[in-house]
Amino acid sequence: MNTDFYSFGEMLWDCLTSGRHAGGAPFNVSAHMTQLGESVSLISAIGQDTLGDEILEVAKDKGVNVEFVSRVRLGLQTGIVLVTVDENGNATYELVEPAAWDEISVSDEAIDAVAKARGFTFGSLAGRSPYNLEQLDRLLAVKGPLKFFDVNLRPPFAGPPLIMQLAKRADVLKLNDGEVGQLASWLMTGEATTDTPQDEKAITKACSILAEATDASLICVTRAEKGAALWESGKALVTAPAPHVVVKDTVGA
């Protein structure tokens, strides 16, 4: 079944004190887009285990096409992330490895399907695996779909060189304010220091630095309770406020 959008990357269980929740940035993107009425397929991998069976059913229930989700060799379990949430609802993550999503196989059928799609989303975290990078390279070589890069700086898998290498293959970049500041700092100084832009002028500067290094046409910056911003070369920064909510946690937001 051909769908309009495809996502490549991790499909896993976020383990919080409240229980297990299906997640992984590419999975979350796919699930949220189906809620907006779009047709989405996920390209990922799970283990030959009960956790894999369960997360596959969650994806199906959310309307995500899992035709290209493979079951990996025995010995690699479905991904698990141990999540700790602080008093402000912000999360830190401990990724259990190795995991099934370190070996995402891309079939020729998936390549053909992506070539007919409107958009293709890929994240940075799955790039921790050399195997995945080879598979992703095949997908990024496909002409046609608009390519969206969803940056996820998750230490220790947050090396700016790899992030920039992948960003250069995308049309649109999506990242949070801390990440755009950190990458802009690295590009200017060679040090990926924490440098979160606090106002529109600072966001515009950071996006301009990132765009010059990557040739991205659009950069979307999420700003938590401050809303979001969209940067486009030669145009004024577009911003949108966030509705006031009581934050439970930010996992999968």
Protein backbone atom coordinates (compact mmCIF):
# COMPACT_ATOMS: atom_id res chain seq x y z
CA MET A 1 0.00 0.00 0.00
CA ASN A 2 1.52 3.33 -1.06
CA THR A 3 1.17 6.18 1.43
CA ASP A 4 1.91 9.90 1.16
CA PHE A 5 4.55 10.08 3.89
CA TYR A 6 7.28 7.75 5.13
CA SER A 7 9.32 7.84 8.35
CA PHE A 8 12.61 6.03 8.96
CA GLY A 9 14.11 5.25 12.34
CA GLU A 10 13.58 3.90 15.82
CA MET A 11 10.41 2.25 17.08
CA LEU A 12 10.68 1.50 20.80
CA TRP A 13 9.16 1.50 24.25
CA ASP A 14 9.62 4.53 26.50
CA CYS A 15 9.64 3.14 30.04
CA LEU A 16 8.43 5.70 32.61
CA THR A 17 7.31 5.27 36.19
CA SER A 18 3.76 5.45 34.78
CA GLY A 19 4.41 2.42 32.57
CA ARG A 20 5.49 1.58 29.02
CA HIS A 21 4.55 3.87 26.14
CA ALA A 22 5.18 3.25 22.44
CA GLY A 23 7.61 5.82 21.09
CA GLY A 24 10.72 6.77 19.20
CA ALA A 25 10.72 10.09 17.30
CA PRO A 26 9.92 8.57 13.86
CA PHE A 27 7.10 6.52 15.40
CA ASN A 28 5.72 9.62 17.15
CA VAL A 29 5.87 11.66 13.92
CA SER A 30 4.00 8.90 12.10
CA ALA A 31 1.34 8.57 14.80
CA HIS A 32 0.77 12.33 15.04
CA MET A 33 0.48 12.69 11.26
CA THR A 34 -2.16 9.98 11.06
CA GLN A 35 -4.12 11.95 13.66
CA LEU A 36 -3.98 14.89 11.23
CA GLY A 37 -5.53 12.72 8.54
CA GLU A 38 -2.41 11.88 6.53
CA SER A 39 -1.41 8.41 5.34
CA VAL A 40 1.94 7.38 6.84
CA SER A 41 4.22 4.34 6.67
CA LEU A 42 6.98 3.59 9.16
CA ILE A 43 10.27 1.98 8.12
CA SER A 44 11.74 0.44 11.27
CA ALA A 45 12.67 -2.83 12.99
CA ILE A 46 11.50 -4.73 16.07
CA GLY A 47 12.55 -7.92 17.79
CA GLN A 48 11.04 -11.37 17.62
CA ASP A 49 9.58 -10.90 21.08
CA THR A 50 6.41 -10.00 22.96
CA LEU A 51 7.42 -6.34 23.12
CA GLY A 52 7.61 -6.35 19.33
CA ASP A 53 4.17 -7.92 19.03
CA GLU A 54 2.70 -5.33 21.35
CA ILE A 55 4.23 -2.25 19.73
CA LEU A 56 3.17 -3.48 16.31
CA GLU A 57 -0.43 -3.59 17.52
CA VAL A 58 -0.16 -0.07 18.97
CA ALA A 59 1.06 1.24 15.61
CA LYS A 60 -1.77 -0.49 13.76
CA ASP A 61 -4.32 0.88 16.24
CA LYS A 62 -3.02 4.38 15.56
CA GLY A 63 -3.43 3.89 11.80
CA VAL A 64 0.29 3.74 10.96
CA ASN A 65 1.15 1.41 8.07
CA VAL A 66 3.74 -1.13 9.30
CA GLU A 67 4.32 -2.95 6.03
CA PHE A 68 8.00 -1.99 6.15
CA VAL A 69 8.62 -2.76 9.83
CA SER A 70 10.86 -5.84 9.89
CA ARG A 71 11.51 -8.45 12.59
CA VAL A 72 15.25 -8.75 13.18
CA ARG A 73 17.43 -11.74 14.05
CA LEU A 74 17.06 -13.52 17.37
CA GLY A 75 19.12 -11.93 20.11
CA LEU A 76 18.17 -8.34 19.36
CA GLN A 77 15.22 -7.23 21.46
CA THR A 78 12.66 -4.55 20.66
CA GLY A 79 14.04 -1.16 21.71
CA ILE A 80 13.68 0.09 25.27
CA VAL A 81 14.44 3.54 26.68
CA LEU A 82 14.51 4.23 30.42
CA VAL A 83 12.99 7.68 30.93
CA THR A 84 13.39 9.90 33.98
CA VAL A 85 11.11 12.94 34.26
CA ASP A 86 11.99 15.91 36.51
CA GLU A 87 9.62 18.18 38.43
CA ASN A 88 9.15 20.40 35.36
CA GLY A 89 8.12 17.50 33.12
CA ASN A 90 11.42 17.46 31.22
CA ALA A 91 12.84 14.05 30.42
CA THR A 92 16.26 12.44 30.30
CA TYR A 93 16.79 9.19 28.42
CA GLU A 94 18.91 6.08 28.85
CA LEU A 95 18.89 4.05 25.64
CA VAL A 96 19.31 0.32 26.15
CA GLU A 97 21.57 -1.15 23.48
CA PRO A 98 21.93 -3.05 21.29
CA ALA A 99 18.36 -2.93 20.05
CA ALA A 100 16.37 -4.17 17.07
CA TRP A 101 16.15 -0.69 15.54
CA ASP A 102 19.93 -0.70 15.08
CA GLU A 103 19.36 -3.06 12.13
CA ILE A 104 16.60 -1.51 10.00
CA SER A 105 16.50 -3.24 6.63
CA VAL A 106 15.20 -1.27 3.64
CA SER A 107 13.73 -3.41 0.89
CA ASP A 108 13.62 -2.55 -2.79
CA GLU A 109 9.85 -2.27 -2.38
CA ALA A 110 10.33 0.39 0.27
CA ILE A 111 12.67 2.34 -2.01
CA ASP A 112 10.10 2.26 -4.81
CA ALA A 113 7.33 3.35 -2.44
CA VAL A 114 9.30 6.29 -1.04
CA ALA A 115 10.01 7.48 -4.58
CA LYS A 116 6.25 7.96 -5.06
CA ALA A 117 5.70 9.72 -1.72
CA ARG A 118 5.13 13.40 -0.93
CA GLY A 119 7.48 13.44 2.04
CA PHE A 120 10.14 11.43 3.82
CA THR A 121 11.11 12.01 7.47
CA PHE A 122 14.26 10.70 9.11
CA GLY A 123 15.79 11.24 12.54
CA SER A 124 19.34 11.48 13.81
CA LEU A 125 19.23 8.86 16.56
CA ALA A 126 19.03 5.86 14.23
CA GLY A 127 22.30 7.10 12.76
CA ARG A 128 24.18 5.67 15.77
CA SER A 129 24.26 2.41 13.77
CA PRO A 130 26.59 2.17 10.71
CA TYR A 131 24.17 -0.40 9.28
CA ASN A 132 21.30 2.07 9.48
CA LEU A 133 23.38 4.82 7.89
CA GLU A 134 23.94 2.62 4.85
CA GLN A 135 20.22 1.91 4.59
CA LEU A 136 19.32 5.57 5.11
CA ASP A 137 21.76 6.60 2.40
CA ARG A 138 19.76 4.53 -0.11
CA LEU A 139 16.55 6.28 0.91
CA LEU A 140 18.06 9.77 0.80
CA ALA A 141 19.30 9.11 -2.72
CA VAL A 142 15.69 8.73 -3.88
CA LYS A 143 14.48 11.68 -5.96
CA GLY A 144 11.02 13.10 -5.47
CA PRO A 145 9.79 13.37 -1.88
CA LEU A 146 10.46 16.40 0.30
CA LYS A 147 12.98 15.31 2.94
CA PHE A 148 12.49 16.30 6.58
CA PHE A 149 15.29 15.84 9.14
CA ASP A 150 14.07 15.52 12.74
CA VAL A 151 17.09 16.25 14.94
CA ASN A 152 17.29 14.40 18.27
CA LEU A 153 20.42 15.15 20.28
CA ARG A 154 20.49 12.25 22.74
CA PRO A 155 23.88 11.92 24.48
CA PRO A 156 26.10 10.02 23.84
CA PHE A 157 24.68 9.88 20.29
CA ALA A 158 24.81 13.60 19.62
CA GLY A 159 27.95 14.19 17.58
CA PRO A 160 27.60 17.44 15.56
CA PRO A 161 29.62 16.11 12.57
CA LEU A 162 27.10 13.32 11.91
CA ILE A 163 24.15 15.67 12.55
CA MET A 164 25.51 18.14 9.99
CA GLN A 165 26.24 15.38 7.50
CA LEU A 166 22.61 14.25 7.65
CA ALA A 167 21.24 17.82 7.70
CA LYS A 168 22.89 18.49 4.35
CA ARG A 169 20.71 15.77 2.81
CA ALA A 170 17.43 17.38 3.92
CA ASP A 171 15.12 20.08 2.57
CA VAL A 172 13.55 20.92 5.93
CA LEU A 173 15.14 20.76 9.39
CA LYS A 174 13.17 20.40 12.62
CA LEU A 175 14.84 20.83 16.00
CA ASN A 176 14.30 22.49 19.36
CA ASP A 177 15.76 25.82 20.48
CA GLY A 178 18.49 24.21 22.54
CA GLU A 179 19.58 22.07 19.60
CA VAL A 180 19.67 24.93 17.07
CA GLY A 181 21.72 26.99 19.51
CA GLN A 182 24.12 24.13 20.21
CA LEU A 183 24.69 23.37 16.52
CA ALA A 184 25.13 27.05 15.63
CA SER A 185 27.69 27.34 18.41
CA TRP A 186 29.58 24.32 17.07
CA LEU A 187 29.62 25.76 13.56
CA MET A 188 31.01 29.08 14.80
CA THR A 189 33.48 27.91 17.44
CA GLY A 190 34.02 24.18 17.04
CA GLU A 191 32.48 23.65 20.49
CA ALA A 192 28.93 22.33 20.92
CA THR A 193 28.18 24.47 23.97
CA THR A 194 24.72 25.05 25.42
CA ASP A 195 23.51 28.31 23.89
CA THR A 196 19.72 28.42 23.69
CA PRO A 197 18.48 31.48 21.74
CA GLN A 198 16.02 33.43 23.88
CA ASP A 199 14.40 35.79 21.37
CA GLU A 200 13.45 35.98 17.68
CA LYS A 201 16.64 37.81 16.71
CA ALA A 202 18.80 35.10 18.27
CA ILE A 203 16.72 32.32 16.68
CA THR A 204 17.02 33.97 13.26
CA LYS A 205 20.81 34.22 13.66
CA ALA A 206 21.17 30.59 14.73
CA CYS A 207 18.94 29.37 11.87
CA SER A 208 20.85 31.47 9.34
CA ILE A 209 24.13 29.93 10.48
CA LEU A 210 22.67 26.43 10.24
CA ALA A 211 21.08 27.07 6.83
CA GLU A 212 24.32 28.43 5.39
CA ALA A 213 26.08 25.21 6.38
CA THR A 214 23.36 22.87 5.10
CA ASP A 215 21.43 24.67 2.32
CA ALA A 216 18.16 23.81 4.10
CA SER A 217 15.24 25.80 2.70
CA LEU A 218 13.16 25.74 5.89
CA ILE A 219 14.00 25.32 9.57
CA CYS A 220 11.35 24.68 12.21
CA VAL A 221 12.32 25.41 15.82
CA THR A 222 10.20 24.20 18.73
CA ARG A 223 10.42 26.31 21.91
CA ALA A 224 8.43 24.40 24.53
CA GLU A 225 6.09 26.79 26.40
CA LYS A 226 7.20 29.65 24.12
CA GLY A 227 5.66 27.99 21.05
CA ALA A 228 7.46 27.46 17.75
CA ALA A 229 9.21 29.36 14.99
CA LEU A 230 9.64 28.81 11.25
CA TRP A 231 12.68 30.23 9.44
CA GLU A 232 12.81 30.68 5.68
CA SER A 233 15.65 32.35 3.82
CA GLY A 234 14.94 35.95 2.88
CA LYS A 235 11.72 36.14 4.88
CA ALA A 236 10.77 37.29 8.35
CA LEU A 237 10.76 34.66 11.07
CA VAL A 238 7.24 33.30 11.60
CA THR A 239 6.32 32.46 15.19
CA ALA A 240 3.37 30.80 16.86
CA PRO A 241 2.55 30.83 20.58
CA ALA A 242 1.85 27.67 22.53
CA PRO A 243 -1.43 27.22 24.38
CA HIS A 244 -1.03 27.24 28.15
CA VAL A 245 -1.09 23.69 29.50
CA VAL A 246 -0.08 21.93 32.69
CA VAL A 247 2.86 19.79 31.60
CA LYS A 248 2.64 16.13 32.57
CA ASP A 249 5.80 15.19 30.67
CA THR A 250 7.38 16.07 27.31
CA VAL A 251 7.98 12.52 26.07
CA GLY A 252 6.66 12.15 22.53
CA ALA A 253 5.37 15.72 22.41
